[in-house]
């Protein structure tokens, strides 16, 4: 089989040399053993890096036959950089594996990916076996992230990020999704076809700093929810219905006090509490509706997800 590996990069010069060396050695051994075709390749996608990442990609492509490079015109984000690589190369290999450049994913799993592909699987997920090496904050937020997505009815593979194999059939199916803000973790399971998971222990980052801040992770979670679930809109409807029922009871109680007991007393605290509560619900509801309207606004413009500056 002809295998391709797609690796999005953003300011990865610290880890680039080691990643290239290890992947190059792995590819040579797999070609010699006949596991993959000699035309197999590794493609780095430079997502508008500000360091020397692109220069290193050019150098690697000149020195080693198996390395390619795609340079985006600016930073479009990891998801779009990954999509760029997958879509540009989907017809260049029998299957593509996507992974990060930081060596946290176990590259030896690539051999198992290839074996599963040969057994007839079109989608193979690399899934983290545990999060013992993460900080307690990251571990707890990740657990909350997947629980919220499950609650929202989003089909997702827990503890799976971007380490996966997609056959050419799966890639052609992925190309039919046209949304601008594509949430890959949720889209891939929608494709269907025969799939399986391989479990592994994720290592610490070899060098450099993570490109995902708490803010970026939060926005990713919002992308996943808004792209795949209308549950927040239904939540607003439910809150509105409960408030309506509550207001009916309050009207009946007020009329009872006024007509029967004749003991109504002006209450500043209760009035202000009601105003703040209802106001908070209204603002939150407008914000959720605005999030969905904003996504409609983005989608109807049909702007390109990325632009390619150079390809080697």
C-alpha atoms as a PDB file:
ATOM      1  CA  UNK A   1       0.000   0.000   0.000  1.00  0.00           C
ATOM      2  CA  UNK A   2       1.008   3.599  -0.581  1.00  0.00           C
ATOM      3  CA  UNK A   3       0.866   5.458   2.735  1.00  0.00           C
ATOM      4  CA  UNK A   4       0.897   9.184   3.416  1.00  0.00           C
ATOM      5  CA  UNK A   5       1.332  10.976   6.740  1.00  0.00           C
ATOM      6  CA  UNK A   6      -0.001  14.520   7.171  1.00  0.00           C
ATOM      7  CA  UNK A   7       1.467  16.643   9.971  1.00  0.00           C
ATOM      8  CA  UNK A   8       0.218  20.211  10.605  1.00  0.00           C
ATOM      9  CA  UNK A   9       2.968  22.456  11.988  1.00  0.00           C
ATOM     10  CA  UNK A  10       2.952  25.829  13.704  1.00  0.00           C
ATOM     11  CA  UNK A  11       6.292  27.069  15.068  1.00  0.00           C
ATOM     12  CA  UNK A  12       7.728  23.573  15.460  1.00  0.00           C
ATOM     13  CA  UNK A  13      11.422  24.210  14.733  1.00  0.00           C
ATOM     14  CA  UNK A  14      12.474  22.889  18.175  1.00  0.00           C
ATOM     15  CA  UNK A  15      10.999  19.446  17.588  1.00  0.00           C
ATOM     16  CA  UNK A  16      11.165  19.274  13.789  1.00  0.00           C
ATOM     17  CA  UNK A  17      14.600  17.642  13.495  1.00  0.00           C
ATOM     18  CA  UNK A  18      13.814  14.795  15.881  1.00  0.00           C
ATOM     19  CA  UNK A  19      10.375  14.195  14.344  1.00  0.00           C
ATOM     20  CA  UNK A  20      11.890  14.030  10.856  1.00  0.00           C
ATOM     21  CA  UNK A  21      14.648  11.663  11.958  1.00  0.00           C
ATOM     22  CA  UNK A  22      12.351   9.223  13.753  1.00  0.00           C
ATOM     23  CA  UNK A  23       9.687   9.172  11.041  1.00  0.00           C
ATOM     24  CA  UNK A  24      12.327   8.815   8.331  1.00  0.00           C
ATOM     25  CA  UNK A  25      13.857   5.801  10.077  1.00  0.00           C
ATOM     26  CA  UNK A  26      10.428   4.245  10.600  1.00  0.00           C
ATOM     27  CA  UNK A  27       9.487   4.718   6.940  1.00  0.00           C
ATOM     28  CA  UNK A  28      12.737   3.167   5.727  1.00  0.00           C
ATOM     29  CA  UNK A  29      12.210   0.090   7.897  1.00  0.00           C
ATOM     30  CA  UNK A  30       8.581  -0.286   6.771  1.00  0.00           C
ATOM     31  CA  UNK A  31       9.561   0.025   3.099  1.00  0.00           C
ATOM     32  CA  UNK A  32      12.350  -2.524   3.494  1.00  0.00           C
ATOM     33  CA  UNK A  33       9.970  -4.975   5.159  1.00  0.00           C
ATOM     34  CA  UNK A  34       7.396  -4.481   2.399  1.00  0.00           C
ATOM     35  CA  UNK A  35       4.750  -3.081   4.755  1.00  0.00           C
ATOM     36  CA  UNK A  36       4.337   0.051   2.615  1.00  0.00           C
ATOM     37  CA  UNK A  37       5.193   1.110  -0.915  1.00  0.00           C
ATOM     38  CA  UNK A  38       8.451   2.926  -1.645  1.00  0.00           C
ATOM     39  CA  UNK A  39       6.390   5.864  -2.989  1.00  0.00           C
ATOM     40  CA  UNK A  40       4.909   6.484   0.468  1.00  0.00           C
ATOM     41  CA  UNK A  41       5.473   9.976   1.848  1.00  0.00           C
ATOM     42  CA  UNK A  42       5.379  12.298   4.859  1.00  0.00           C
ATOM     43  CA  UNK A  43       3.919  15.769   4.314  1.00  0.00           C
ATOM     44  CA  UNK A  44       4.336  18.688   6.708  1.00  0.00           C
ATOM     45  CA  UNK A  45       1.701  21.440   6.474  1.00  0.00           C
ATOM     46  CA  UNK A  46       3.110  24.767   7.639  1.00  0.00           C
ATOM     47  CA  UNK A  47       0.234  26.725   9.190  1.00  0.00           C
ATOM     48  CA  UNK A  48       1.778  30.184   8.888  1.00  0.00           C
ATOM     49  CA  UNK A  49       4.711  29.553  11.240  1.00  0.00           C
ATOM     50  CA  UNK A  50       6.739  32.579  12.350  1.00  0.00           C
ATOM     51  CA  UNK A  51       9.948  30.658  13.045  1.00  0.00           C
ATOM     52  CA  UNK A  52      12.116  28.573  10.677  1.00  0.00           C
ATOM     53  CA  UNK A  53       9.675  25.690  10.317  1.00  0.00           C
ATOM     54  CA  UNK A  54       9.144  26.190   6.566  1.00  0.00           C
ATOM     55  CA  UNK A  55      12.866  26.471   5.888  1.00  0.00           C
ATOM     56  CA  UNK A  56      13.360  23.163   7.722  1.00  0.00           C
ATOM     57  CA  UNK A  57      10.568  21.561   5.673  1.00  0.00           C
ATOM     58  CA  UNK A  58      12.246  22.694   2.457  1.00  0.00           C
ATOM     59  CA  UNK A  59      15.548  21.330   3.675  1.00  0.00           C
ATOM     60  CA  UNK A  60      14.003  17.973   4.611  1.00  0.00           C
ATOM     61  CA  UNK A  61      12.330  17.653   1.194  1.00  0.00           C
ATOM     62  CA  UNK A  62      15.673  18.230  -0.515  1.00  0.00           C
ATOM     63  CA  UNK A  63      17.605  15.759   1.657  1.00  0.00           C
ATOM     64  CA  UNK A  64      15.059  12.956   1.983  1.00  0.00           C
ATOM     65  CA  UNK A  65      12.939  11.465  -0.794  1.00  0.00           C
ATOM     66  CA  UNK A  66       9.908  10.718   1.383  1.00  0.00           C
ATOM     67  CA  UNK A  67       9.242  14.255   2.668  1.00  0.00           C
ATOM     68  CA  UNK A  68       6.869  16.801   1.143  1.00  0.00           C
ATOM     69  CA  UNK A  69       5.660  20.209   2.258  1.00  0.00           C
ATOM     70  CA  UNK A  70       2.630  22.476   1.974  1.00  0.00           C
ATOM     71  CA  UNK A  71       2.854  26.098   3.069  1.00  0.00           C
ATOM     72  CA  UNK A  72      -0.366  27.964   3.846  1.00  0.00           C
ATOM     73  CA  UNK A  73      -0.557  31.681   3.120  1.00  0.00           C
ATOM     74  CA  UNK A  74      -1.121  32.483   6.822  1.00  0.00           C
ATOM     75  CA  UNK A  75      -2.209  30.850  10.073  1.00  0.00           C
ATOM     76  CA  UNK A  76      -5.621  29.238   9.541  1.00  0.00           C
ATOM     77  CA  UNK A  77      -5.653  27.042  12.661  1.00  0.00           C
ATOM     78  CA  UNK A  78      -4.751  23.404  13.201  1.00  0.00           C
ATOM     79  CA  UNK A  79      -8.068  22.008  11.969  1.00  0.00           C
ATOM     80  CA  UNK A  80      -7.896  23.861   8.649  1.00  0.00           C
ATOM     81  CA  UNK A  81      -4.208  23.043   8.207  1.00  0.00           C
ATOM     82  CA  UNK A  82      -4.998  19.371   8.690  1.00  0.00           C
ATOM     83  CA  UNK A  83      -7.930  19.553   6.278  1.00  0.00           C
ATOM     84  CA  UNK A  84      -5.671  21.270   3.731  1.00  0.00           C
ATOM     85  CA  UNK A  85      -3.181  18.416   3.852  1.00  0.00           C
ATOM     86  CA  UNK A  86      -5.840  15.704   3.721  1.00  0.00           C
ATOM     87  CA  UNK A  87      -7.717  17.250   0.804  1.00  0.00           C
ATOM     88  CA  UNK A  88      -4.610  18.061  -1.240  1.00  0.00           C
ATOM     89  CA  UNK A  89      -3.228  14.549  -0.873  1.00  0.00           C
ATOM     90  CA  UNK A  90      -6.354  12.373  -0.701  1.00  0.00           C
ATOM     91  CA  UNK A  91      -5.756  10.990  -4.202  1.00  0.00           C
ATOM     92  CA  UNK A  92      -2.005  10.561  -3.741  1.00  0.00           C
ATOM     93  CA  UNK A  93      -2.106   7.553  -1.395  1.00  0.00           C
ATOM     94  CA  UNK A  94      -4.218   4.538  -0.471  1.00  0.00           C
ATOM     95  CA  UNK A  95      -4.551   5.916   3.064  1.00  0.00           C
ATOM     96  CA  UNK A  96      -3.446   8.982   5.025  1.00  0.00           C
ATOM     97  CA  UNK A  97      -2.469   9.151   8.693  1.00  0.00           C
ATOM     98  CA  UNK A  98      -2.802  12.474  10.508  1.00  0.00           C
ATOM     99  CA  UNK A  99      -0.724  13.238  13.577  1.00  0.00           C
ATOM    100  CA  UNK A 100       0.846  16.108  15.539  1.00  0.00           C
ATOM    101  CA  UNK A 101       4.474  17.148  15.143  1.00  0.00           C
ATOM    102  CA  UNK A 102       5.352  17.144  18.853  1.00  0.00           C
ATOM    103  CA  UNK A 103       6.099  13.381  19.170  1.00  0.00           C
ATOM    104  CA  UNK A 104       3.488  12.902  21.885  1.00  0.00           C
ATOM    105  CA  UNK A 105       1.747  10.332  19.707  1.00  0.00           C
ATOM    106  CA  UNK A 106       3.481   6.948  19.582  1.00  0.00           C
ATOM    107  CA  UNK A 107       4.813   6.737  16.020  1.00  0.00           C
ATOM    108  CA  UNK A 108       5.255   2.964  16.320  1.00  0.00           C
ATOM    109  CA  UNK A 109       1.460   2.799  16.192  1.00  0.00           C
ATOM    110  CA  UNK A 110       1.743   3.579  12.474  1.00  0.00           C
ATOM    111  CA  UNK A 111       2.637  -0.065  11.850  1.00  0.00           C
ATOM    112  CA  UNK A 112      -0.571  -1.146  13.585  1.00  0.00           C
ATOM    113  CA  UNK A 113      -2.577   1.423  11.593  1.00  0.00           C
ATOM    114  CA  UNK A 114      -1.248  -0.077   8.373  1.00  0.00           C
ATOM    115  CA  UNK A 115      -2.057  -3.605   9.540  1.00  0.00           C
ATOM    116  CA  UNK A 116      -5.634  -2.620  10.410  1.00  0.00           C
ATOM    117  CA  UNK A 117      -6.006  -0.982   6.989  1.00  0.00           C
ATOM    118  CA  UNK A 118      -4.889  -4.205   5.318  1.00  0.00           C
ATOM    119  CA  UNK A 119      -7.488  -6.058   7.397  1.00  0.00           C
ATOM    120  CA  UNK A 120     -10.164  -3.931   5.761  1.00  0.00           C
ATOM    121  CA  UNK A 121     -10.647  -0.971   8.117  1.00  0.00           C
ATOM    122  CA  UNK A 122     -11.248   2.436   6.494  1.00  0.00           C
ATOM    123  CA  UNK A 123     -10.931   4.476   9.708  1.00  0.00           C
ATOM    124  CA  UNK A 124      -8.499   3.651  12.503  1.00  0.00           C
ATOM    125  CA  UNK A 125      -8.466   5.834  15.628  1.00  0.00           C
ATOM    126  CA  UNK A 126      -5.466   6.287  17.898  1.00  0.00           C
ATOM    127  CA  UNK A 127      -6.972   6.583  21.381  1.00  0.00           C
ATOM    128  CA  UNK A 128      -5.177   7.534  24.583  1.00  0.00           C
ATOM    129  CA  UNK A 129      -5.241   4.715  27.101  1.00  0.00           C
ATOM    130  CA  UNK A 130      -4.962   7.035  30.109  1.00  0.00           C
ATOM    131  CA  UNK A 131      -4.210  10.657  31.062  1.00  0.00           C
ATOM    132  CA  UNK A 132      -1.894   9.959  33.984  1.00  0.00           C
ATOM    133  CA  UNK A 133       0.796  12.259  32.552  1.00  0.00           C
ATOM    134  CA  UNK A 134      -1.568  15.235  32.309  1.00  0.00           C
ATOM    135  CA  UNK A 135      -2.016  17.776  35.073  1.00  0.00           C
ATOM    136  CA  UNK A 136      -5.106  17.322  37.223  1.00  0.00           C
ATOM    137  CA  UNK A 137      -6.638  20.465  35.677  1.00  0.00           C
ATOM    138  CA  UNK A 138      -6.155  19.223  32.107  1.00  0.00           C
ATOM    139  CA  UNK A 139      -7.338  15.746  33.007  1.00  0.00           C
ATOM    140  CA  UNK A 140     -10.513  17.018  34.675  1.00  0.00           C
ATOM    141  CA  UNK A 141     -11.333  19.516  31.929  1.00  0.00           C
ATOM    142  CA  UNK A 142     -10.826  16.835  29.266  1.00  0.00           C
ATOM    143  CA  UNK A 143     -13.160  14.501  31.128  1.00  0.00           C
ATOM    144  CA  UNK A 144     -15.737  17.294  31.408  1.00  0.00           C
ATOM    145  CA  UNK A 145     -15.304  18.062  27.688  1.00  0.00           C
ATOM    146  CA  UNK A 146     -16.245  14.520  26.628  1.00  0.00           C
ATOM    147  CA  UNK A 147     -19.089  14.249  29.151  1.00  0.00           C
ATOM    148  CA  UNK A 148     -20.644  17.484  27.885  1.00  0.00           C
ATOM    149  CA  UNK A 149     -20.369  16.294  24.291  1.00  0.00           C
ATOM    150  CA  UNK A 150     -21.994  12.979  25.189  1.00  0.00           C
ATOM    151  CA  UNK A 151     -24.801  14.850  26.939  1.00  0.00           C
ATOM    152  CA  UNK A 152     -25.300  17.009  23.847  1.00  0.00           C
ATOM    153  CA  UNK A 153     -25.659  13.895  21.697  1.00  0.00           C
ATOM    154  CA  UNK A 154     -22.402  14.407  19.784  1.00  0.00           C
ATOM    155  CA  UNK A 155     -20.883  11.192  18.485  1.00  0.00           C
ATOM    156  CA  UNK A 156     -17.265  11.398  19.551  1.00  0.00           C
ATOM    157  CA  UNK A 157     -14.346   9.092  20.338  1.00  0.00           C
ATOM    158  CA  UNK A 158     -13.258   9.812  23.920  1.00  0.00           C
ATOM    159  CA  UNK A 159      -9.559  10.622  24.391  1.00  0.00           C
ATOM    160  CA  UNK A 160      -8.995  10.770  20.642  1.00  0.00           C
ATOM    161  CA  UNK A 161      -7.594  13.906  18.990  1.00  0.00           C
ATOM    162  CA  UNK A 162      -6.101  13.850  15.480  1.00  0.00           C
ATOM    163  CA  UNK A 163      -4.063  10.645  15.426  1.00  0.00           C
ATOM    164  CA  UNK A 164      -5.962   8.483  12.923  1.00  0.00           C
ATOM    165  CA  UNK A 165      -5.815   6.663   9.611  1.00  0.00           C
ATOM    166  CA  UNK A 166      -8.318   7.387   6.831  1.00  0.00           C
ATOM    167  CA  UNK A 167      -8.559   5.289   3.696  1.00  0.00           C
ATOM    168  CA  UNK A 168      -9.012   6.940   0.318  1.00  0.00           C
ATOM    169  CA  UNK A 169     -12.700   5.974   0.438  1.00  0.00           C
ATOM    170  CA  UNK A 170     -13.093   7.706   3.810  1.00  0.00           C
ATOM    171  CA  UNK A 171     -11.188  10.761   2.553  1.00  0.00           C
ATOM    172  CA  UNK A 172     -13.465  11.093  -0.473  1.00  0.00           C
ATOM    173  CA  UNK A 173     -16.446  10.942   1.880  1.00  0.00           C
ATOM    174  CA  UNK A 174     -14.868  13.614   4.099  1.00  0.00           C
ATOM    175  CA  UNK A 175     -14.446  15.864   1.049  1.00  0.00           C
ATOM    176  CA  UNK A 176     -18.224  16.016   0.705  1.00  0.00           C
ATOM    177  CA  UNK A 177     -18.564  17.952   3.978  1.00  0.00           C
ATOM    178  CA  UNK A 178     -18.634  21.609   2.960  1.00  0.00           C
ATOM    179  CA  UNK A 179     -19.016  23.492   6.250  1.00  0.00           C
ATOM    180  CA  UNK A 180     -16.428  26.195   6.948  1.00  0.00           C
ATOM    181  CA  UNK A 181     -16.007  25.559  10.683  1.00  0.00           C
ATOM    182  CA  UNK A 182     -15.493  21.823  10.411  1.00  0.00           C
ATOM    183  CA  UNK A 183     -15.101  19.974  13.699  1.00  0.00           C
ATOM    184  CA  UNK A 184     -13.104  16.949  12.557  1.00  0.00           C
ATOM    185  CA  UNK A 185     -13.448  14.952  15.783  1.00  0.00           C
ATOM    186  CA  UNK A 186     -17.203  14.924  15.284  1.00  0.00           C
ATOM    187  CA  UNK A 187     -17.287  14.706  11.491  1.00  0.00           C
ATOM    188  CA  UNK A 188     -15.086  11.613  11.119  1.00  0.00           C
ATOM    189  CA  UNK A 189     -17.457   9.290  13.070  1.00  0.00           C
ATOM    190  CA  UNK A 190     -20.317  10.494  10.831  1.00  0.00           C
ATOM    191  CA  UNK A 191     -18.564   9.063   7.778  1.00  0.00           C
ATOM    192  CA  UNK A 192     -19.255   5.519   8.885  1.00  0.00           C
ATOM    193  CA  UNK A 193     -17.434   2.677   7.084  1.00  0.00           C
ATOM    194  CA  UNK A 194     -15.576   0.001   8.993  1.00  0.00           C
ATOM    195  CA  UNK A 195     -13.586   1.492  11.893  1.00  0.00           C
ATOM    196  CA  UNK A 196     -11.649   0.450  14.994  1.00  0.00           C
ATOM    197  CA  UNK A 197      -9.567   1.978  17.792  1.00  0.00           C
ATOM    198  CA  UNK A 198      -5.991   1.302  18.857  1.00  0.00           C
ATOM    199  CA  UNK A 199      -5.016   2.312  22.388  1.00  0.00           C
ATOM    200  CA  UNK A 200      -1.664   3.792  23.382  1.00  0.00           C
ATOM    201  CA  UNK A 201       0.035   5.860  26.069  1.00  0.00           C
ATOM    202  CA  UNK A 202       0.762   9.427  25.040  1.00  0.00           C
ATOM    203  CA  UNK A 203       4.213  10.783  25.889  1.00  0.00           C
ATOM    204  CA  UNK A 204       5.117  14.262  27.044  1.00  0.00           C
ATOM    205  CA  UNK A 205       5.927  16.822  24.376  1.00  0.00           C
ATOM    206  CA  UNK A 206       9.506  16.323  23.105  1.00  0.00           C
ATOM    207  CA  UNK A 207      10.283  20.056  22.880  1.00  0.00           C
ATOM    208  CA  UNK A 208       8.612  23.441  22.629  1.00  0.00           C
ATOM    209  CA  UNK A 209       5.306  24.588  24.078  1.00  0.00           C
ATOM    210  CA  UNK A 210       1.794  23.397  23.411  1.00  0.00           C
ATOM    211  CA  UNK A 211      -0.143  25.486  20.888  1.00  0.00           C
ATOM    212  CA  UNK A 212      -3.463  24.872  22.658  1.00  0.00           C
ATOM    213  CA  UNK A 213      -4.208  27.374  25.411  1.00  0.00           C
ATOM    214  CA  UNK A 214      -7.180  27.067  27.760  1.00  0.00           C
ATOM    215  CA  UNK A 215      -8.969  29.612  25.574  1.00  0.00           C
ATOM    216  CA  UNK A 216      -8.278  27.575  22.420  1.00  0.00           C
ATOM    217  CA  UNK A 217      -9.579  24.400  24.066  1.00  0.00           C
ATOM    218  CA  UNK A 218     -12.697  26.226  25.219  1.00  0.00           C
ATOM    219  CA  UNK A 219     -13.342  27.523  21.690  1.00  0.00           C
ATOM    220  CA  UNK A 220     -12.816  24.015  20.334  1.00  0.00           C
ATOM    221  CA  UNK A 221     -15.476  22.731  22.722  1.00  0.00           C
ATOM    222  CA  UNK A 222     -17.868  25.485  21.570  1.00  0.00           C
ATOM    223  CA  UNK A 223     -17.155  24.524  17.936  1.00  0.00           C
ATOM    224  CA  UNK A 224     -18.027  20.925  18.647  1.00  0.00           C
ATOM    225  CA  UNK A 225     -21.280  21.738  20.421  1.00  0.00           C
ATOM    226  CA  UNK A 226     -22.507  24.403  17.988  1.00  0.00           C
ATOM    227  CA  UNK A 227     -21.576  22.307  14.936  1.00  0.00           C
ATOM    228  CA  UNK A 228     -23.335  19.127  15.993  1.00  0.00           C
ATOM    229  CA  UNK A 229     -26.054  19.826  18.538  1.00  0.00           C
ATOM    230  CA  UNK A 230     -29.174  21.965  18.868  1.00  0.00           C
ATOM    231  CA  UNK A 231     -29.415  20.974  22.539  1.00  0.00           C
ATOM    232  CA  UNK A 232     -28.510  24.504  23.781  1.00  0.00           C
ATOM    233  CA  UNK A 233     -31.453  25.935  21.805  1.00  0.00           C
ATOM    234  CA  UNK A 234     -33.749  23.326  23.300  1.00  0.00           C
ATOM    235  CA  UNK A 235     -32.315  24.169  26.709  1.00  0.00           C
ATOM    236  CA  UNK A 236     -33.412  27.780  26.205  1.00  0.00           C
ATOM    237  CA  UNK A 237     -36.901  26.572  25.284  1.00  0.00           C
ATOM    238  CA  UNK A 238     -37.007  24.422  28.411  1.00  0.00           C
ATOM    239  CA  UNK A 239     -35.899  27.286  30.654  1.00  0.00           C
ATOM    240  CA  UNK A 240     -38.491  29.573  29.068  1.00  0.00           C
ATOM    241  CA  UNK A 241     -41.241  27.021  29.668  1.00  0.00           C
ATOM    242  CA  UNK A 242     -40.245  26.551  33.320  1.00  0.00           C
ATOM    243  CA  UNK A 243     -40.153  30.309  33.874  1.00  0.00           C
ATOM    244  CA  UNK A 244     -43.584  30.615  32.269  1.00  0.00           C
ATOM    245  CA  UNK A 245     -45.021  27.948  34.615  1.00  0.00           C
ATOM    246  CA  UNK A 246     -43.322  29.638  37.581  1.00  0.00           C
ATOM    247  CA  UNK A 247     -44.786  33.026  36.611  1.00  0.00           C
ATOM    248  CA  UNK A 248     -48.303  31.533  36.485  1.00  0.00           C
ATOM    249  CA  UNK A 249     -47.908  30.240  40.036  1.00  0.00           C
ATOM    250  CA  UNK A 250     -46.603  33.657  41.129  1.00  0.00           C
ATOM    251  CA  UNK A 251     -49.585  35.427  39.536  1.00  0.00           C
ATOM    252  CA  UNK A 252     -51.991  33.108  41.332  1.00  0.00           C
ATOM    253  CA  UNK A 253     -50.156  33.677  44.636  1.00  0.00           C
ATOM    254  CA  UNK A 254     -50.143  37.465  44.216  1.00  0.00           C
ATOM    255  CA  UNK A 255     -53.879  37.509  43.407  1.00  0.00           C
ATOM    256  CA  UNK A 256     -54.550  35.255  46.416  1.00  0.00           C
ATOM    257  CA  UNK A 257     -52.640  37.615  48.732  1.00  0.00           C
ATOM    258  CA  UNK A 258     -54.299  40.683  47.249  1.00  0.00           C
ATOM    259  CA  UNK A 259     -57.901  39.474  47.121  1.00  0.00           C
ATOM    260  CA  UNK A 260     -58.152  36.919  49.946  1.00  0.00           C
ATOM    261  CA  UNK A 261     -55.504  37.892  52.487  1.00  0.00           C
ATOM    262  CA  UNK A 262     -55.216  41.569  51.554  1.00  0.00           C
ATOM    263  CA  UNK A 263     -51.651  41.495  52.857  1.00  0.00           C
ATOM    264  CA  UNK A 264     -49.455  42.451  49.931  1.00  0.00           C
ATOM    265  CA  UNK A 265     -46.182  44.082  50.966  1.00  0.00           C
ATOM    266  CA  UNK A 266     -43.785  45.808  48.613  1.00  0.00           C
ATOM    267  CA  UNK A 267     -40.549  43.784  48.577  1.00  0.00           C
ATOM    268  CA  UNK A 268     -37.393  45.323  47.150  1.00  0.00           C
ATOM    269  CA  UNK A 269     -35.245  42.182  47.566  1.00  0.00           C
ATOM    270  CA  UNK A 270     -37.675  39.840  45.836  1.00  0.00           C
ATOM    271  CA  UNK A 271     -38.218  42.322  43.014  1.00  0.00           C
ATOM    272  CA  UNK A 272     -34.493  42.829  42.350  1.00  0.00           C
ATOM    273  CA  UNK A 273     -33.809  39.091  42.556  1.00  0.00           C
ATOM    274  CA  UNK A 274     -36.481  38.445  39.937  1.00  0.00           C
ATOM    275  CA  UNK A 275     -35.139  41.171  37.661  1.00  0.00           C
ATOM    276  CA  UNK A 276     -31.536  39.894  37.819  1.00  0.00           C
ATOM    277  CA  UNK A 277     -32.598  36.276  37.375  1.00  0.00           C
ATOM    278  CA  UNK A 278     -34.820  36.894  34.366  1.00  0.00           C
ATOM    279  CA  UNK A 279     -32.283  39.341  32.900  1.00  0.00           C
ATOM    280  CA  UNK A 280     -29.473  36.810  33.222  1.00  0.00           C
ATOM    281  CA  UNK A 281     -31.530  34.127  31.508  1.00  0.00           C
ATOM    282  CA  UNK A 282     -32.380  36.513  28.670  1.00  0.00           C
ATOM    283  CA  UNK A 283     -28.779  37.590  28.085  1.00  0.00           C
ATOM    284  CA  UNK A 284     -27.556  33.984  28.139  1.00  0.00           C
ATOM    285  CA  UNK A 285     -30.289  32.964  25.712  1.00  0.00           C
ATOM    286  CA  UNK A 286     -29.464  35.782  23.312  1.00  0.00           C
ATOM    287  CA  UNK A 287     -25.801  34.768  23.463  1.00  0.00           C
ATOM    288  CA  UNK A 288     -26.541  31.133  22.586  1.00  0.00           C
ATOM    289  CA  UNK A 289     -28.848  32.122  19.747  1.00  0.00           C
ATOM    290  CA  UNK A 290     -26.193  34.580  18.548  1.00  0.00           C
ATOM    291  CA  UNK A 291     -23.602  31.792  18.434  1.00  0.00           C
ATOM    292  CA  UNK A 292     -25.771  29.812  16.042  1.00  0.00           C
ATOM    293  CA  UNK A 293     -26.652  32.863  13.952  1.00  0.00           C
ATOM    294  CA  UNK A 294     -22.938  33.702  13.727  1.00  0.00           C
ATOM    295  CA  UNK A 295     -22.229  30.236  12.353  1.00  0.00           C
ATOM    296  CA  UNK A 296     -24.983  30.602   9.785  1.00  0.00           C
ATOM    297  CA  UNK A 297     -23.385  33.933   8.807  1.00  0.00           C
ATOM    298  CA  UNK A 298     -19.996  32.220   8.355  1.00  0.00           C
ATOM    299  CA  UNK A 299     -21.399  29.318   6.352  1.00  0.00           C
ATOM    300  CA  UNK A 300     -23.542  31.272   3.872  1.00  0.00           C
ATOM    301  CA  UNK A 301     -20.510  33.309   2.761  1.00  0.00           C
ATOM    302  CA  UNK A 302     -18.801  30.048   1.676  1.00  0.00           C
ATOM    303  CA  UNK A 303     -15.323  31.470   2.086  1.00  0.00           C
ATOM    304  CA  UNK A 304     -12.368  29.099   1.480  1.00  0.00           C
ATOM    305  CA  UNK A 305     -10.993  27.345   4.570  1.00  0.00           C
ATOM    306  CA  UNK A 306      -7.386  27.984   3.558  1.00  0.00           C
ATOM    307  CA  UNK A 307      -5.044  29.220   0.807  1.00  0.00           C
ATOM    308  CA  UNK A 308      -1.896  27.391  -0.248  1.00  0.00           C
ATOM    309  CA  UNK A 309       1.180  29.515  -0.821  1.00  0.00           C
ATOM    310  CA  UNK A 310       3.697  26.824  -1.809  1.00  0.00           C
ATOM    311  CA  UNK A 311       3.768  23.081  -2.303  1.00  0.00           C
ATOM    312  CA  UNK A 312       6.900  20.947  -2.591  1.00  0.00           C
END
